[in-house]
């Protein structure tokens, strides 16, 4: 087309007529290209929502699993008391 004397605008118009606006580097904003323009923003928003849900779920797991029941707390207190007694006994014998 260049050899026939067509300029850039004529070549661009021909390609758009033949293949549609999707071949342009920056397609025109019109009804047929809305999806093309909006998809990156939609995907970014969906990714942010999924990341937020995953982070929220992880925080909730840590909070729930981070608490001890009554029996577990009592056992922990007993073990700590025994550990302190052993430490005191070792210090006295040294």
PDB file of N, CA and C in Angstrom:
ATOM      1  N   UNK A   1       0.831  -1.190   0.000  1.00  0.00           N
ATOM      2  CA  UNK A   1       0.000   0.000   0.000  1.00  0.00           C
ATOM      3  C   UNK A   1       0.875   1.253   0.000  1.00  0.00           C
ATOM      4  N   UNK A   2       2.027   1.172   0.653  1.00  0.00           N
ATOM      5  CA  UNK A   2       2.949   2.312   0.629  1.00  0.00           C
ATOM      6  C   UNK A   2       3.459   2.561  -0.785  1.00  0.00           C
ATOM      7  N   UNK A   3       3.747   1.469  -1.507  1.00  0.00           N
ATOM      8  CA  UNK A   3       4.227   1.612  -2.876  1.00  0.00           C
ATOM      9  C   UNK A   3       3.156   2.203  -3.792  1.00  0.00           C
ATOM     10  N   UNK A   4       1.881   1.988  -3.442  1.00  0.00           N
ATOM     11  CA  UNK A   4       0.782   2.538  -4.235  1.00  0.00           C
ATOM     12  C   UNK A   4       0.522   3.994  -3.907  1.00  0.00           C
ATOM     13  N   UNK A   5       1.204   4.521  -2.880  1.00  0.00           N
ATOM     14  CA  UNK A   5       1.065   5.926  -2.541  1.00  0.00           C
ATOM     15  C   UNK A   5       0.103   6.221  -1.402  1.00  0.00           C
ATOM     16  N   UNK A   6      -0.316   5.203  -0.667  1.00  0.00           N
ATOM     17  CA  UNK A   6      -1.229   5.418   0.457  1.00  0.00           C
ATOM     18  C   UNK A   6      -0.452   5.969   1.651  1.00  0.00           C
ATOM     19  N   UNK A   7      -1.071   6.882   2.373  1.00  0.00           N
ATOM     20  CA  UNK A   7      -0.419   7.428   3.565  1.00  0.00           C
ATOM     21  C   UNK A   7      -0.810   6.607   4.802  1.00  0.00           C
ATOM     22  N   UNK A   8      -0.225   6.962   5.949  1.00  0.00           N
ATOM     23  CA  UNK A   8      -0.469   6.194   7.182  1.00  0.00           C
ATOM     24  C   UNK A   8      -1.942   6.133   7.542  1.00  0.00           C
ATOM     25  N   UNK A   9      -2.659   7.231   7.408  1.00  0.00           N
ATOM     26  CA  UNK A   9      -4.079   7.277   7.771  1.00  0.00           C
ATOM     27  C   UNK A   9      -4.897   6.350   6.883  1.00  0.00           C
ATOM     28  N   UNK A  10      -4.590   6.319   5.589  1.00  0.00           N
ATOM     29  CA  UNK A  10      -5.321   5.444   4.668  1.00  0.00           C
ATOM     30  C   UNK A  10      -5.047   3.970   4.998  1.00  0.00           C
ATOM     31  N   UNK A  11      -3.799   3.673   5.310  1.00  0.00           N
ATOM     32  CA  UNK A  11      -3.452   2.287   5.671  1.00  0.00           C
ATOM     33  C   UNK A  11      -4.152   1.894   6.967  1.00  0.00           C
ATOM     34  N   UNK A  12      -4.136   2.799   7.962  1.00  0.00           N
ATOM     35  CA  UNK A  12      -4.804   2.531   9.233  1.00  0.00           C
ATOM     36  C   UNK A  12      -6.299   2.332   9.037  1.00  0.00           C
ATOM     37  N   UNK A  13      -6.912   3.178   8.225  1.00  0.00           N
ATOM     38  CA  UNK A  13      -8.355   3.039   7.948  1.00  0.00           C
ATOM     39  C   UNK A  13      -8.657   1.708   7.270  1.00  0.00           C
ATOM     40  N   UNK A  14      -7.803   1.289   6.347  1.00  0.00           N
ATOM     41  CA  UNK A  14      -8.000   0.018   5.662  1.00  0.00           C
ATOM     42  C   UNK A  14      -7.920  -1.151   6.643  1.00  0.00           C
ATOM     43  N   UNK A  15      -6.888  -1.125   7.509  1.00  0.00           N
ATOM     44  CA  UNK A  15      -6.717  -2.216   8.468  1.00  0.00           C
ATOM     45  C   UNK A  15      -7.861  -2.275   9.472  1.00  0.00           C
ATOM     46  N   UNK A  16      -8.332  -1.112   9.924  1.00  0.00           N
ATOM     47  CA  UNK A  16      -9.466  -1.081  10.852  1.00  0.00           C
ATOM     48  C   UNK A  16     -10.726  -1.594  10.164  1.00  0.00           C
ATOM     49  N   UNK A  17     -10.929  -1.211   8.929  1.00  0.00           N
ATOM     50  CA  UNK A  17     -12.103  -1.682   8.189  1.00  0.00           C
ATOM     51  C   UNK A  17     -12.048  -3.204   8.004  1.00  0.00           C
ATOM     52  N   UNK A  18     -10.869  -3.726   7.789  1.00  0.00           N
ATOM     53  CA  UNK A  18     -10.741  -5.152   7.526  1.00  0.00           C
ATOM     54  C   UNK A  18     -10.739  -5.992   8.811  1.00  0.00           C
ATOM     55  N   UNK A  19     -10.017  -5.521   9.859  1.00  0.00           N
ATOM     56  CA  UNK A  19      -9.837  -6.337  11.064  1.00  0.00           C
ATOM     57  C   UNK A  19     -10.529  -5.792  12.313  1.00  0.00           C
ATOM     58  N   UNK A  20     -11.012  -4.583  12.273  1.00  0.00           N
ATOM     59  CA  UNK A  20     -11.701  -4.002  13.425  1.00  0.00           C
ATOM     60  C   UNK A  20     -10.770  -3.145  14.262  1.00  0.00           C
ATOM     61  N   UNK A  21     -11.333  -2.453  15.240  1.00  0.00           N
ATOM     62  CA  UNK A  21     -10.577  -1.531  16.086  1.00  0.00           C
ATOM     63  C   UNK A  21      -9.566  -2.229  16.989  1.00  0.00           C
ATOM     64  N   UNK A  22      -9.688  -3.527  17.144  1.00  0.00           N
ATOM     65  CA  UNK A  22      -8.836  -4.252  18.080  1.00  0.00           C
ATOM     66  C   UNK A  22      -7.380  -4.321  17.629  1.00  0.00           C
ATOM     67  N   UNK A  23      -7.084  -4.009  16.364  1.00  0.00           N
ATOM     68  CA  UNK A  23      -5.700  -4.060  15.898  1.00  0.00           C
ATOM     69  C   UNK A  23      -4.939  -2.778  16.222  1.00  0.00           C
ATOM     70  N   UNK A  24      -5.646  -1.736  16.625  1.00  0.00           N
ATOM     71  CA  UNK A  24      -4.995  -0.470  16.929  1.00  0.00           C
ATOM     72  C   UNK A  24      -4.284  -0.549  18.277  1.00  0.00           C
ATOM     73  N   UNK A  25      -3.194   0.207  18.408  1.00  0.00           N
ATOM     74  CA  UNK A  25      -2.470   0.257  19.675  1.00  0.00           C
ATOM     75  C   UNK A  25      -3.354   0.865  20.753  1.00  0.00           C
ATOM     76  N   UNK A  26      -4.077   1.898  20.404  1.00  0.00           N
ATOM     77  CA  UNK A  26      -5.051   2.518  21.299  1.00  0.00           C
ATOM     78  C   UNK A  26      -6.395   2.579  20.567  1.00  0.00           C
ATOM     79  N   UNK A  27      -7.188   1.532  20.721  1.00  0.00           N
ATOM     80  CA  UNK A  27      -8.483   1.502  20.027  1.00  0.00           C
ATOM     81  C   UNK A  27      -9.381   2.655  20.472  1.00  0.00           C
ATOM     82  N   UNK A  28     -10.230   3.061  19.598  1.00  0.00           N
ATOM     83  CA  UNK A  28     -11.183   4.128  19.918  1.00  0.00           C
ATOM     84  C   UNK A  28     -12.153   3.624  20.992  1.00  0.00           C
ATOM     85  N   UNK A  29     -12.548   4.525  21.878  1.00  0.00           N
ATOM     86  CA  UNK A  29     -13.512   4.160  22.918  1.00  0.00           C
ATOM     87  C   UNK A  29     -14.909   4.253  22.329  1.00  0.00           C
ATOM     88  N   UNK A  30     -15.483   3.106  22.093  1.00  0.00           N
ATOM     89  CA  UNK A  30     -16.839   3.022  21.557  1.00  0.00           C
ATOM     90  C   UNK A  30     -17.474   1.745  22.083  1.00  0.00           C
ATOM     91  N   UNK A  31     -18.724   1.554  21.773  1.00  0.00           N
ATOM     92  CA  UNK A  31     -19.471   0.442  22.346  1.00  0.00           C
ATOM     93  C   UNK A  31     -18.807  -0.911  22.067  1.00  0.00           C
ATOM     94  N   UNK A  32     -18.243  -1.097  20.914  1.00  0.00           N
ATOM     95  CA  UNK A  32     -17.643  -2.392  20.579  1.00  0.00           C
ATOM     96  C   UNK A  32     -16.302  -2.612  21.280  1.00  0.00           C
ATOM     97  N   UNK A  33     -15.696  -1.581  21.863  1.00  0.00           N
ATOM     98  CA  UNK A  33     -14.395  -1.743  22.522  1.00  0.00           C
ATOM     99  C   UNK A  33     -14.453  -1.512  24.031  1.00  0.00           C
ATOM    100  N   UNK A  34     -15.642  -1.349  24.605  1.00  0.00           N
ATOM    101  CA  UNK A  34     -15.753  -1.143  26.052  1.00  0.00           C
ATOM    102  C   UNK A  34     -15.083  -2.277  26.822  1.00  0.00           C
ATOM    103  N   UNK A  35     -15.361  -3.507  26.422  1.00  0.00           N
ATOM    104  CA  UNK A  35     -14.793  -4.655  27.117  1.00  0.00           C
ATOM    105  C   UNK A  35     -13.267  -4.623  27.047  1.00  0.00           C
ATOM    106  N   UNK A  36     -12.745  -4.252  25.914  1.00  0.00           N
ATOM    107  CA  UNK A  36     -11.296  -4.159  25.741  1.00  0.00           C
ATOM    108  C   UNK A  36     -10.692  -3.123  26.686  1.00  0.00           C
ATOM    109  N   UNK A  37     -11.357  -2.017  26.889  1.00  0.00           N
ATOM    110  CA  UNK A  37     -10.858  -0.954  27.761  1.00  0.00           C
ATOM    111  C   UNK A  37     -11.082  -1.247  29.237  1.00  0.00           C
ATOM    112  N   UNK A  38     -12.183  -1.901  29.573  1.00  0.00           N
ATOM    113  CA  UNK A  38     -12.540  -2.106  30.974  1.00  0.00           C
ATOM    114  C   UNK A  38     -11.966  -3.376  31.600  1.00  0.00           C
ATOM    115  N   UNK A  39     -11.565  -4.350  30.801  1.00  0.00           N
ATOM    116  CA  UNK A  39     -11.080  -5.624  31.318  1.00  0.00           C
ATOM    117  C   UNK A  39      -9.896  -5.480  32.285  1.00  0.00           C
ATOM    118  N   UNK A  40      -8.863  -4.698  31.983  1.00  0.00           N
ATOM    119  CA  UNK A  40      -7.757  -4.595  32.948  1.00  0.00           C
ATOM    120  C   UNK A  40      -8.204  -4.079  34.321  1.00  0.00           C
ATOM    121  N   UNK A  41      -9.057  -3.081  34.352  1.00  0.00           N
ATOM    122  CA  UNK A  41      -9.549  -2.559  35.627  1.00  0.00           C
ATOM    123  C   UNK A  41     -10.397  -3.570  36.371  1.00  0.00           C
ATOM    124  N   UNK A  42     -11.231  -4.285  35.644  1.00  0.00           N
ATOM    125  CA  UNK A  42     -12.076  -5.306  36.262  1.00  0.00           C
ATOM    126  C   UNK A  42     -11.205  -6.414  36.856  1.00  0.00           C
ATOM    127  N   UNK A  43     -10.199  -6.858  36.109  1.00  0.00           N
ATOM    128  CA  UNK A  43      -9.312  -7.911  36.616  1.00  0.00           C
ATOM    129  C   UNK A  43      -8.530  -7.439  37.843  1.00  0.00           C
ATOM    130  N   UNK A  44      -8.101  -6.193  37.837  1.00  0.00           N
ATOM    131  CA  UNK A  44      -7.392  -5.642  38.993  1.00  0.00           C
ATOM    132  C   UNK A  44      -8.305  -5.609  40.218  1.00  0.00           C
ATOM    133  N   UNK A  45      -9.541  -5.200  40.028  1.00  0.00           N
ATOM    134  CA  UNK A  45     -10.505  -5.151  41.117  1.00  0.00           C
ATOM    135  C   UNK A  45     -10.802  -6.557  41.658  1.00  0.00           C
ATOM    136  N   UNK A  46     -11.004  -7.520  40.770  1.00  0.00           N
ATOM    137  CA  UNK A  46     -11.268  -8.898  41.193  1.00  0.00           C
ATOM    138  C   UNK A  46     -10.069  -9.451  41.959  1.00  0.00           C
ATOM    139  N   UNK A  47      -8.853  -9.181  41.483  1.00  0.00           N
ATOM    140  CA  UNK A  47      -7.652  -9.632  42.181  1.00  0.00           C
ATOM    141  C   UNK A  47      -7.536  -9.035  43.566  1.00  0.00           C
ATOM    142  N   UNK A  48      -7.868  -7.740  43.697  1.00  0.00           N
ATOM    143  CA  UNK A  48      -7.804  -7.080  45.004  1.00  0.00           C
ATOM    144  C   UNK A  48      -8.830  -7.679  45.964  1.00  0.00           C
ATOM    145  N   UNK A  49     -10.019  -7.978  45.471  1.00  0.00           N
ATOM    146  CA  UNK A  49     -11.051  -8.582  46.318  1.00  0.00           C
ATOM    147  C   UNK A  49     -10.621  -9.971  46.778  1.00  0.00           C
ATOM    148  N   UNK A  50     -10.067 -10.768  45.859  1.00  0.00           N
ATOM    149  CA  UNK A  50      -9.612 -12.108  46.227  1.00  0.00           C
ATOM    150  C   UNK A  50      -8.475 -12.022  47.243  1.00  0.00           C
ATOM    151  N   UNK A  51      -7.529 -11.127  47.027  1.00  0.00           N
ATOM    152  CA  UNK A  51      -6.424 -10.960  47.978  1.00  0.00           C
ATOM    153  C   UNK A  51      -6.956 -10.542  49.345  1.00  0.00           C
ATOM    154  N   UNK A  52      -7.921  -9.640  49.376  1.00  0.00           N
ATOM    155  CA  UNK A  52      -8.515  -9.205  50.635  1.00  0.00           C
ATOM    156  C   UNK A  52      -9.204 -10.343  51.363  1.00  0.00           C
ATOM    157  N   UNK A  53      -9.910 -11.176  50.620  1.00  0.00           N
ATOM    158  CA  UNK A  53     -10.581 -12.321  51.242  1.00  0.00           C
ATOM    159  C   UNK A  53      -9.581 -13.317  51.803  1.00  0.00           C
ATOM    160  N   UNK A  54      -8.517 -13.588  51.066  1.00  0.00           N
ATOM    161  CA  UNK A  54      -7.498 -14.531  51.526  1.00  0.00           C
ATOM    162  C   UNK A  54      -6.814 -14.003  52.785  1.00  0.00           C
ATOM    163  N   UNK A  55      -6.447 -12.727  52.782  1.00  0.00           N
ATOM    164  CA  UNK A  55      -5.789 -12.136  53.947  1.00  0.00           C
ATOM    165  C   UNK A  55      -6.721 -12.142  55.151  1.00  0.00           C
ATOM    166  N   UNK A  56      -7.979 -11.801  54.927  1.00  0.00           N
ATOM    167  CA  UNK A  56      -8.956 -11.798  56.016  1.00  0.00           C
ATOM    168  C   UNK A  56      -9.133 -13.196  56.600  1.00  0.00           C
ATOM    169  N   UNK A  57      -9.203 -14.174  55.737  1.00  0.00           N
ATOM    170  CA  UNK A  57      -9.376 -15.557  56.198  1.00  0.00           C
ATOM    171  C   UNK A  57      -8.149 -16.023  56.976  1.00  0.00           C
ATOM    172  N   UNK A  58      -6.948 -15.645  56.541  1.00  0.00           N
ATOM    173  CA  UNK A  58      -5.731 -16.027  57.251  1.00  0.00           C
ATOM    174  C   UNK A  58      -5.678 -15.386  58.630  1.00  0.00           C
ATOM    175  N   UNK A  59      -6.046 -14.115  58.719  1.00  0.00           N
ATOM    176  CA  UNK A  59      -6.049 -13.424  60.014  1.00  0.00           C
ATOM    177  C   UNK A  59      -7.048 -14.067  60.964  1.00  0.00           C
ATOM    178  N   UNK A  60      -8.200 -14.444  60.437  1.00  0.00           N
ATOM    179  CA  UNK A  60      -9.215 -15.076  61.256  1.00  0.00           C
ATOM    180  C   UNK A  60      -8.723 -16.426  61.766  1.00  0.00           C
ATOM    181  N   UNK A  61      -8.013 -17.196  60.941  1.00  0.00           N
ATOM    182  CA  UNK A  61      -7.469 -18.485  61.360  1.00  0.00           C
ATOM    183  C   UNK A  61      -6.469 -18.311  62.491  1.00  0.00           C
ATOM    184  N   UNK A  62      -5.586 -17.338  62.367  1.00  0.00           N
ATOM    185  CA  UNK A  62      -4.569 -17.099  63.393  1.00  0.00           C
ATOM    186  C   UNK A  62      -5.231 -16.705  64.695  1.00  0.00           C
ATOM    187  N   UNK A  63      -6.236 -15.866  64.649  1.00  0.00           N
ATOM    188  CA  UNK A  63      -6.919 -15.415  65.855  1.00  0.00           C
ATOM    189  C   UNK A  63      -7.627 -16.576  66.543  1.00  0.00           C
ATOM    190  N   UNK A  64      -8.315 -17.388  65.779  1.00  0.00           N
ATOM    191  CA  UNK A  64      -9.060 -18.504  66.358  1.00  0.00           C
ATOM    192  C   UNK A  64      -8.116 -19.559  66.903  1.00  0.00           C
ATOM    193  N   UNK A  65      -7.084 -19.914  66.165  1.00  0.00           N
ATOM    194  CA  UNK A  65      -6.191 -20.968  66.619  1.00  0.00           C
ATOM    195  C   UNK A  65      -5.200 -20.466  67.664  1.00  0.00           C
ATOM    196  N   UNK A  66      -5.114 -19.170  67.889  1.00  0.00           N
ATOM    197  CA  UNK A  66      -4.175 -18.612  68.853  1.00  0.00           C
ATOM    198  C   UNK A  66      -4.685 -18.629  70.281  1.00  0.00           C
ATOM    199  N   UNK A  67      -5.910 -19.042  70.535  1.00  0.00           N
ATOM    200  CA  UNK A  67      -6.453 -19.061  71.889  1.00  0.00           C
ATOM    201  C   UNK A  67      -6.391 -20.479  72.452  1.00  0.00           C
ATOM    202  N   UNK A  68      -6.155 -20.559  73.750  1.00  0.00           N
ATOM    203  CA  UNK A  68      -6.087 -21.853  74.422  1.00  0.00           C
ATOM    204  C   UNK A  68      -7.382 -22.123  75.177  1.00  0.00           C
ATOM    205  N   UNK A  69      -7.728 -23.384  75.228  1.00  0.00           N
ATOM    206  CA  UNK A  69      -8.876 -23.782  76.026  1.00  0.00           C
ATOM    207  C   UNK A  69      -8.482 -23.816  77.495  1.00  0.00           C
ATOM    208  N   UNK A  70      -9.461 -24.040  78.379  1.00  0.00           N
ATOM    209  CA  UNK A  70      -9.199 -24.065  79.830  1.00  0.00           C
ATOM    210  C   UNK A  70      -8.200 -25.156  80.203  1.00  0.00           C
ATOM    211  N   UNK A  71      -8.395 -26.368  79.659  1.00  0.00           N
ATOM    212  CA  UNK A  71      -7.502 -27.478  79.972  1.00  0.00           C
ATOM    213  C   UNK A  71      -6.091 -27.204  79.468  1.00  0.00           C
ATOM    214  N   UNK A  72      -5.993 -26.660  78.273  1.00  0.00           N
ATOM    215  CA  UNK A  72      -4.678 -26.357  77.704  1.00  0.00           C
ATOM    216  C   UNK A  72      -3.965 -25.283  78.517  1.00  0.00           C
ATOM    217  N   UNK A  73      -4.707 -24.281  78.940  1.00  0.00           N
ATOM    218  CA  UNK A  73      -4.112 -23.212  79.744  1.00  0.00           C
ATOM    219  C   UNK A  73      -3.623 -23.755  81.089  1.00  0.00           C
ATOM    220  N   UNK A  74      -4.416 -24.626  81.712  1.00  0.00           N
ATOM    221  CA  UNK A  74      -4.023 -25.222  82.991  1.00  0.00           C
ATOM    222  C   UNK A  74      -2.763 -26.069  82.826  1.00  0.00           C
ATOM    223  N   UNK A  75      -2.692 -26.871  81.765  1.00  0.00           N
ATOM    224  CA  UNK A  75      -1.523 -27.688  81.494  1.00  0.00           C
ATOM    225  C   UNK A  75      -0.295 -26.815  81.257  1.00  0.00           C
ATOM    226  N   UNK A  76      -0.466 -25.738  80.531  1.00  0.00           N
ATOM    227  CA  UNK A  76       0.639 -24.811  80.279  1.00  0.00           C
ATOM    228  C   UNK A  76       1.133 -24.193  81.576  1.00  0.00           C
ATOM    229  N   UNK A  77       0.215 -23.778  82.425  1.00  0.00           N
ATOM    230  CA  UNK A  77       0.596 -23.189  83.717  1.00  0.00           C
ATOM    231  C   UNK A  77       1.387 -24.191  84.563  1.00  0.00           C
ATOM    232  N   UNK A  78       0.932 -25.453  84.570  1.00  0.00           N
ATOM    233  CA  UNK A  78       1.630 -26.489  85.326  1.00  0.00           C
ATOM    234  C   UNK A  78       3.040 -26.716  84.785  1.00  0.00           C
ATOM    235  N   UNK A  79       3.166 -26.773  83.469  1.00  0.00           N
ATOM    236  CA  UNK A  79       4.479 -26.984  82.856  1.00  0.00           C
ATOM    237  C   UNK A  79       5.419 -25.819  83.143  1.00  0.00           C
ATOM    238  N   UNK A  80       4.896 -24.615  83.097  1.00  0.00           N
ATOM    239  CA  UNK A  80       5.716 -23.448  83.399  1.00  0.00           C
ATOM    240  C   UNK A  80       6.153 -23.448  84.859  1.00  0.00           C
ATOM    241  N   UNK A  81       5.237 -23.841  85.743  1.00  0.00           N
ATOM    242  CA  UNK A  81       5.575 -23.899  87.173  1.00  0.00           C
ATOM    243  C   UNK A  81       6.666 -24.938  87.409  1.00  0.00           C
ATOM    244  N   UNK A  82       6.545 -26.113  86.794  1.00  0.00           N
ATOM    245  CA  UNK A  82       7.562 -27.159  86.934  1.00  0.00           C
ATOM    246  C   UNK A  82       8.898 -26.675  86.375  1.00  0.00           C
ATOM    247  N   UNK A  83       8.849 -25.996  85.261  1.00  0.00           N
ATOM    248  CA  UNK A  83      10.072 -25.481  84.641  1.00  0.00           C
ATOM    249  C   UNK A  83      10.761 -24.481  85.559  1.00  0.00           C
ATOM    250  N   UNK A  84       9.983 -23.623  86.199  1.00  0.00           N
ATOM    251  CA  UNK A  84      10.557 -22.634  87.112  1.00  0.00           C
ATOM    252  C   UNK A  84      11.151 -23.323  88.335  1.00  0.00           C
ATOM    253  N   UNK A  85      10.478 -24.379  88.847  1.00  0.00           N
ATOM    254  CA  UNK A  85      10.992 -25.125  89.998  1.00  0.00           C
ATOM    255  C   UNK A  85      12.305 -25.798  89.640  1.00  0.00           C
ATOM    256  N   UNK A  86      12.384 -26.408  88.433  1.00  0.00           N
ATOM    257  CA  UNK A  86      13.604 -27.055  87.996  1.00  0.00           C
ATOM    258  C   UNK A  86      14.732 -26.042  87.845  1.00  0.00           C
ATOM    259  N   UNK A  87      14.416 -24.890  87.338  1.00  0.00           N
ATOM    260  CA  UNK A  87      15.417 -23.836  87.165  1.00  0.00           C
ATOM    261  C   UNK A  87      15.951 -23.376  88.501  1.00  0.00           C
ATOM    262  N   UNK A  88      15.041 -23.155  89.462  1.00  0.00           N
ATOM    263  CA  UNK A  88      15.455 -22.727  90.805  1.00  0.00           C
ATOM    264  C   UNK A  88      16.311 -23.803  91.464  1.00  0.00           C
ATOM    265  N   UNK A  89      15.941 -25.081  91.296  1.00  0.00           N
ATOM    266  CA  UNK A  89      16.688 -26.176  91.900  1.00  0.00           C
ATOM    267  C   UNK A  89      18.081 -26.254  91.300  1.00  0.00           C
ATOM    268  N   UNK A  90      18.190 -26.052  89.992  1.00  0.00           N
ATOM    269  CA  UNK A  90      19.491 -26.097  89.325  1.00  0.00           C
ATOM    270  C   UNK A  90      20.381 -24.928  89.767  1.00  0.00           C
ATOM    271  N   UNK A  91      19.801 -23.769  89.989  1.00  0.00           N
ATOM    272  CA  UNK A  91      20.570 -22.613  90.410  1.00  0.00           C
ATOM    273  C   UNK A  91      21.079 -22.793  91.839  1.00  0.00           C
ATOM    274  N   UNK A  92      20.281 -23.412  92.695  1.00  0.00           N
ATOM    275  CA  UNK A  92      20.687 -23.638  94.080  1.00  0.00           C
ATOM    276  C   UNK A  92      21.801 -24.661  94.161  1.00  0.00           C
ATOM    277  N   UNK A  93      21.774 -25.689  93.304  1.00  0.00           N
ATOM    278  CA  UNK A  93      22.785 -26.724  93.354  1.00  0.00           C
ATOM    279  C   UNK A  93      24.096 -26.285  92.706  1.00  0.00           C
ATOM    280  N   UNK A  94      24.055 -25.251  91.919  1.00  0.00           N
ATOM    281  CA  UNK A  94      25.266 -24.783  91.237  1.00  0.00           C
ATOM    282  C   UNK A  94      26.110 -23.886  92.073  1.00  0.00           C
TER     283      UNK A  94
END
